[in-house]
Protein backbone atom coordinates (compact mmCIF):
# COMPACT_ATOMS: atom_id res chain seq x y z
CA MET A 1 -9.57 4.85 -23.88
CA ARG A 2 -7.81 8.15 -24.62
CA MET A 3 -4.11 7.66 -25.40
CA HIS A 4 -1.61 10.50 -25.53
CA PHE A 5 1.92 10.27 -26.96
CA LEU A 6 4.75 12.51 -25.76
CA GLU A 7 7.22 12.70 -28.67
CA HIS A 8 10.82 13.95 -28.48
CA ALA A 9 12.10 13.61 -32.06
CA PRO A 10 10.76 13.63 -35.65
CA TYR A 11 11.06 9.84 -35.79
CA GLY A 12 9.32 9.42 -32.43
CA GLY A 13 5.78 8.57 -33.56
CA GLY A 14 3.71 5.90 -31.89
CA ALA A 15 4.67 3.18 -34.41
CA TYR A 16 3.14 -0.22 -33.63
CA ILE A 17 1.52 0.95 -30.40
CA GLU A 18 -0.34 3.63 -32.30
CA GLN A 19 -1.39 1.12 -34.96
CA TRP A 20 -2.76 -1.13 -32.22
CA ALA A 21 -4.57 1.75 -30.51
CA VAL A 22 -6.22 2.86 -33.75
CA GLU A 23 -7.45 -0.71 -34.33
CA LYS A 24 -8.95 -0.67 -30.83
CA GLY A 25 -10.77 2.58 -31.53
CA PHE A 26 -8.82 4.65 -29.00
CA ASP A 27 -8.83 8.41 -29.15
CA ILE A 28 -5.25 9.37 -30.12
CA SER A 29 -3.52 12.66 -29.34
CA ARG A 30 0.13 13.74 -29.18
CA THR A 31 2.49 16.44 -28.04
CA LYS A 32 5.60 17.08 -30.15
CA LEU A 33 7.87 18.45 -27.47
CA HIS A 34 10.77 18.81 -29.91
CA GLU A 35 8.63 21.30 -31.86
CA GLY A 36 7.78 23.36 -28.78
CA GLU A 37 4.22 22.13 -28.33
CA ALA A 38 2.71 22.57 -24.87
CA LEU A 39 2.05 19.65 -22.55
CA PRO A 40 -1.60 18.62 -22.20
CA SER A 41 -3.62 18.48 -19.03
CA SER A 42 -3.54 14.99 -17.52
CA ARG A 43 -7.35 15.21 -17.53
CA GLU A 44 -7.23 14.88 -21.31
CA TYR A 45 -6.05 11.26 -21.44
CA ASP A 46 -6.27 7.87 -19.73
CA ALA A 47 -2.93 6.49 -20.98
CA LEU A 48 0.37 8.28 -21.52
CA VAL A 49 3.06 6.83 -23.82
CA LEU A 50 6.56 8.31 -23.57
CA MET A 51 8.50 7.87 -26.80
CA GLY A 52 12.21 7.76 -27.59
CA GLY A 53 14.62 10.58 -28.35
CA PRO A 54 18.32 11.28 -28.96
CA MET A 55 18.85 13.51 -25.92
CA SER A 56 19.74 12.66 -22.32
CA VAL A 57 17.19 13.11 -19.57
CA ASN A 58 19.88 15.19 -17.82
CA ASP A 59 19.97 17.79 -20.64
CA ASP A 60 17.59 20.22 -18.92
CA PHE A 61 19.85 23.16 -19.80
CA LYS A 62 19.64 22.29 -23.50
CA TYR A 63 15.98 21.24 -23.59
CA PRO A 64 14.06 23.45 -21.14
CA TRP A 65 10.86 21.45 -21.61
CA LEU A 66 12.41 18.40 -19.92
CA LYS A 67 11.80 19.74 -16.41
CA ALA A 68 8.12 20.37 -17.12
CA GLU A 69 7.78 16.95 -18.74
CA LYS A 70 9.21 15.19 -15.69
CA GLU A 71 6.78 17.03 -13.44
CA HIS A 72 3.93 16.13 -15.78
CA ILE A 73 4.89 12.44 -15.75
CA SER A 74 5.13 12.38 -11.96
CA LYS A 75 1.66 13.90 -11.72
CA ALA A 76 0.21 11.42 -14.23
CA VAL A 77 1.59 8.49 -12.21
CA ALA A 78 0.20 9.94 -8.96
CA GLN A 79 -3.21 10.31 -10.60
CA GLY A 80 -3.29 6.65 -11.59
CA ARG A 81 -2.92 7.02 -15.35
CA HIS A 82 -1.47 4.18 -17.40
CA VAL A 83 2.10 5.29 -18.21
CA LEU A 84 4.39 3.43 -20.61
CA GLY A 85 7.93 4.61 -21.34
CA LEU A 86 10.04 3.36 -24.25
CA CYS A 87 13.84 3.80 -24.42
CA PHE A 88 14.38 7.50 -23.62
CA GLY A 89 10.77 7.38 -22.41
CA ALA A 90 11.69 4.72 -19.85
CA GLN A 91 14.66 6.78 -18.72
CA ILE A 92 12.65 9.96 -18.19
CA LEU A 93 9.94 7.93 -16.44
CA ALA A 94 12.55 6.47 -14.08
CA GLN A 95 14.00 9.90 -13.32
CA ALA A 96 10.56 11.44 -12.83
CA LEU A 97 10.01 8.76 -10.18
CA GLY A 98 13.25 9.68 -8.40
CA ALA A 99 15.73 7.17 -9.87
CA TRP A 100 19.24 7.80 -11.15
CA VAL A 101 19.75 7.94 -14.92
CA GLY A 102 23.21 8.27 -16.47
CA ARG A 103 25.70 6.82 -18.90
CA SER A 104 25.36 3.08 -19.47
CA PRO A 105 28.45 0.88 -18.97
CA LEU A 106 28.13 0.07 -22.68
CA PRO A 107 25.90 1.48 -25.41
CA GLU A 108 23.39 -0.94 -26.89
CA VAL A 109 22.36 -0.33 -30.49
CA GLY A 110 20.75 -2.89 -32.77
CA TRP A 111 19.18 -6.29 -32.21
CA GLN A 112 20.21 -7.50 -28.77
CA THR A 113 19.16 -10.25 -26.36
CA VAL A 114 16.90 -9.40 -23.41
CA GLN A 115 16.17 -11.79 -20.53
CA LEU A 116 13.15 -11.67 -18.26
CA THR A 117 13.66 -11.84 -14.51
CA PRO A 118 11.73 -14.27 -12.26
CA TYR A 119 9.42 -11.38 -11.27
CA ALA A 120 8.21 -11.07 -14.85
CA SER A 121 6.23 -14.32 -14.58
CA CYS A 122 4.01 -12.60 -12.01
CA THR A 123 3.18 -9.76 -14.41
CA ARG A 124 0.03 -10.26 -16.51
CA TYR A 125 1.13 -8.11 -19.45
CA LEU A 126 4.30 -10.16 -20.04
CA ALA A 127 2.41 -13.46 -20.09
CA ASP A 128 3.26 -14.22 -23.74
CA PHE A 129 6.92 -13.21 -23.53
CA PRO A 130 9.54 -15.97 -23.66
CA PRO A 131 12.27 -15.97 -20.99
CA GLU A 132 14.69 -14.62 -23.60
CA PHE A 133 14.02 -12.68 -26.80
CA ILE A 134 15.66 -10.33 -29.31
CA ALA A 135 14.72 -6.66 -29.03
CA LEU A 136 15.69 -3.46 -30.81
CA GLN A 137 18.01 -1.31 -28.71
CA TRP A 138 19.23 2.25 -29.30
CA HIS A 139 20.52 3.83 -26.11
CA TYR A 140 23.65 5.19 -24.48
CA ASP A 141 22.18 5.86 -21.02
CA ALA A 142 20.75 3.51 -18.42
CA PHE A 143 18.42 3.80 -15.43
CA GLU A 144 18.35 2.49 -11.90
CA LEU A 145 15.04 1.32 -10.48
CA PRO A 146 12.67 3.83 -8.94
CA ARG A 147 11.74 3.18 -5.33
CA HIS A 148 9.30 0.26 -4.98
CA ALA A 149 9.69 -0.65 -8.67
CA VAL A 150 10.30 -4.24 -9.76
CA LEU A 151 12.95 -5.27 -12.31
CA LEU A 152 11.26 -7.26 -15.08
CA ALA A 153 14.02 -7.65 -17.68
CA GLU A 154 17.74 -7.10 -18.13
CA SER A 155 20.54 -7.56 -20.63
CA GLY A 156 24.20 -8.28 -20.07
CA THR A 157 24.68 -4.51 -19.80
CA CYS A 158 21.85 -2.93 -17.83
CA ALA A 159 18.25 -3.01 -16.63
CA GLN A 160 15.76 -3.36 -19.46
CA ALA A 161 12.30 -3.12 -17.91
CA PHE A 162 10.65 -2.11 -14.67
CA ALA A 163 7.13 -1.89 -13.33
CA LEU A 164 5.64 0.18 -10.54
CA GLY A 165 2.32 -1.33 -9.65
CA GLU A 166 0.02 -2.42 -12.46
CA GLN A 167 -0.14 0.81 -14.45
CA VAL A 168 3.44 2.08 -14.79
CA LEU A 169 5.94 0.34 -17.07
CA GLY A 170 9.32 1.34 -18.48
CA LEU A 171 11.03 -0.54 -21.32
CA GLN A 172 14.62 0.31 -22.26
CA PHE A 173 14.17 -1.32 -25.70
CA HIS A 174 12.01 -0.31 -28.66
CA LEU A 175 9.13 -2.76 -28.40
CA GLU A 176 7.06 -0.43 -30.60
CA ALA A 177 9.34 -0.61 -33.66
CA THR A 178 7.97 -1.12 -37.16
CA ARG A 179 9.84 -1.22 -40.45
CA THR A 180 8.87 2.40 -41.11
CA SER A 181 9.84 3.68 -37.66
CA LEU A 182 13.13 1.79 -37.81
CA GLU A 183 14.03 3.23 -41.21
CA ARG A 184 13.34 6.73 -39.89
CA LEU A 185 15.48 6.07 -36.83
CA VAL A 186 18.36 4.72 -38.90
CA ALA A 187 18.14 7.61 -41.37
CA ASP A 188 18.37 10.12 -38.52
CA LEU A 189 20.95 8.46 -36.24
CA GLY A 190 22.49 5.52 -38.09
CA GLY A 191 25.27 7.38 -39.87
CA ALA A 192 27.34 7.81 -36.70
CA LEU A 193 27.32 4.15 -35.65
CA ILE A 194 30.67 2.41 -35.19
CA PRO A 195 30.26 -1.38 -34.82
CA LYS A 196 31.46 -3.01 -31.60
CA ALA A 197 30.33 -5.81 -29.30
CA THR A 198 27.03 -4.18 -28.34
CA VAL A 199 26.58 -1.89 -31.36
CA GLN A 200 25.58 -2.93 -34.88
CA ASP A 201 25.97 -0.73 -37.93
CA ALA A 202 23.00 0.62 -39.86
CA PRO A 203 23.01 -1.97 -42.71
CA THR A 204 23.09 -4.84 -40.21
CA ILE A 205 20.22 -3.39 -38.21
CA LEU A 206 18.07 -3.01 -41.32
CA ASN A 207 19.06 -6.41 -42.74
CA LEU A 208 17.98 -8.17 -39.53
CA ALA A 209 14.69 -6.32 -39.25
CA ASP A 210 12.62 -8.73 -41.34
CA GLU A 211 13.80 -11.61 -39.16
CA HIS A 212 13.02 -9.98 -35.80
CA LEU A 213 10.20 -7.49 -36.35
CA PRO A 214 7.33 -10.04 -36.65
CA THR A 215 8.10 -11.44 -33.21
CA LEU A 216 8.62 -7.98 -31.74
CA ASN A 217 5.28 -6.80 -33.13
CA ARG A 218 3.50 -9.86 -31.76
CA LEU A 219 4.95 -9.24 -28.30
CA CYS A 220 4.03 -5.56 -28.50
CA ARG A 221 0.43 -6.42 -29.34
CA SER A 222 0.25 -8.92 -26.48
CA LEU A 223 1.62 -6.40 -23.99
CA CYS A 224 -0.74 -3.66 -25.15
CA ASP A 225 -3.76 -5.99 -24.94
CA ARG A 226 -2.98 -6.65 -21.29
CA PHE A 227 -1.47 -3.35 -20.11
CA PHE A 228 -3.97 -0.83 -21.51
CA ARG A 229 -7.18 -2.03 -19.94
């Protein structure tokens, strides 16, 4: 399989998903949109992974490449590619499919609880996920569901995962996180964090990583094994 990553920030590498794909012998390619690189042709890949970023999907005036990316994502979905969006990637996927994306009722940053919905039990790629688990969050916006999409997970604040058919999946949380990717994320964005009910500070996030990352990585591997096939 040929897997392409769309990256939106210096810390936005493929992390655990890329590690998994390399182990599987996938052909890996990437576009660093934040560095002005051009989007690929959708003929060049079988799976598209949309990574995180600090911007809003509504910042078209500030990031002119956003409009072209949304059009590219919509085309990839229509052509039947596997498309996985993570955090900002889930938000831009939702908007590319016609859904509203805007400010979340509360920001969620740090290790937070996510609950699966009853629909998740019917989804093959979530087969190993427990009904409730701890995931890494880092978002200030939220998405509504695209038309015909199914809600697979939620938190006390907002929707956390949706699927459209068998080949399109958006995850509000960072399932792909590794220790290295988390340290890069904290170094870039952690200095501005002010702790509150749904926001942890940078030291807390890093201190809890060793406790939660092994489970998160196991769940990521399980999802990838079932989704990218």
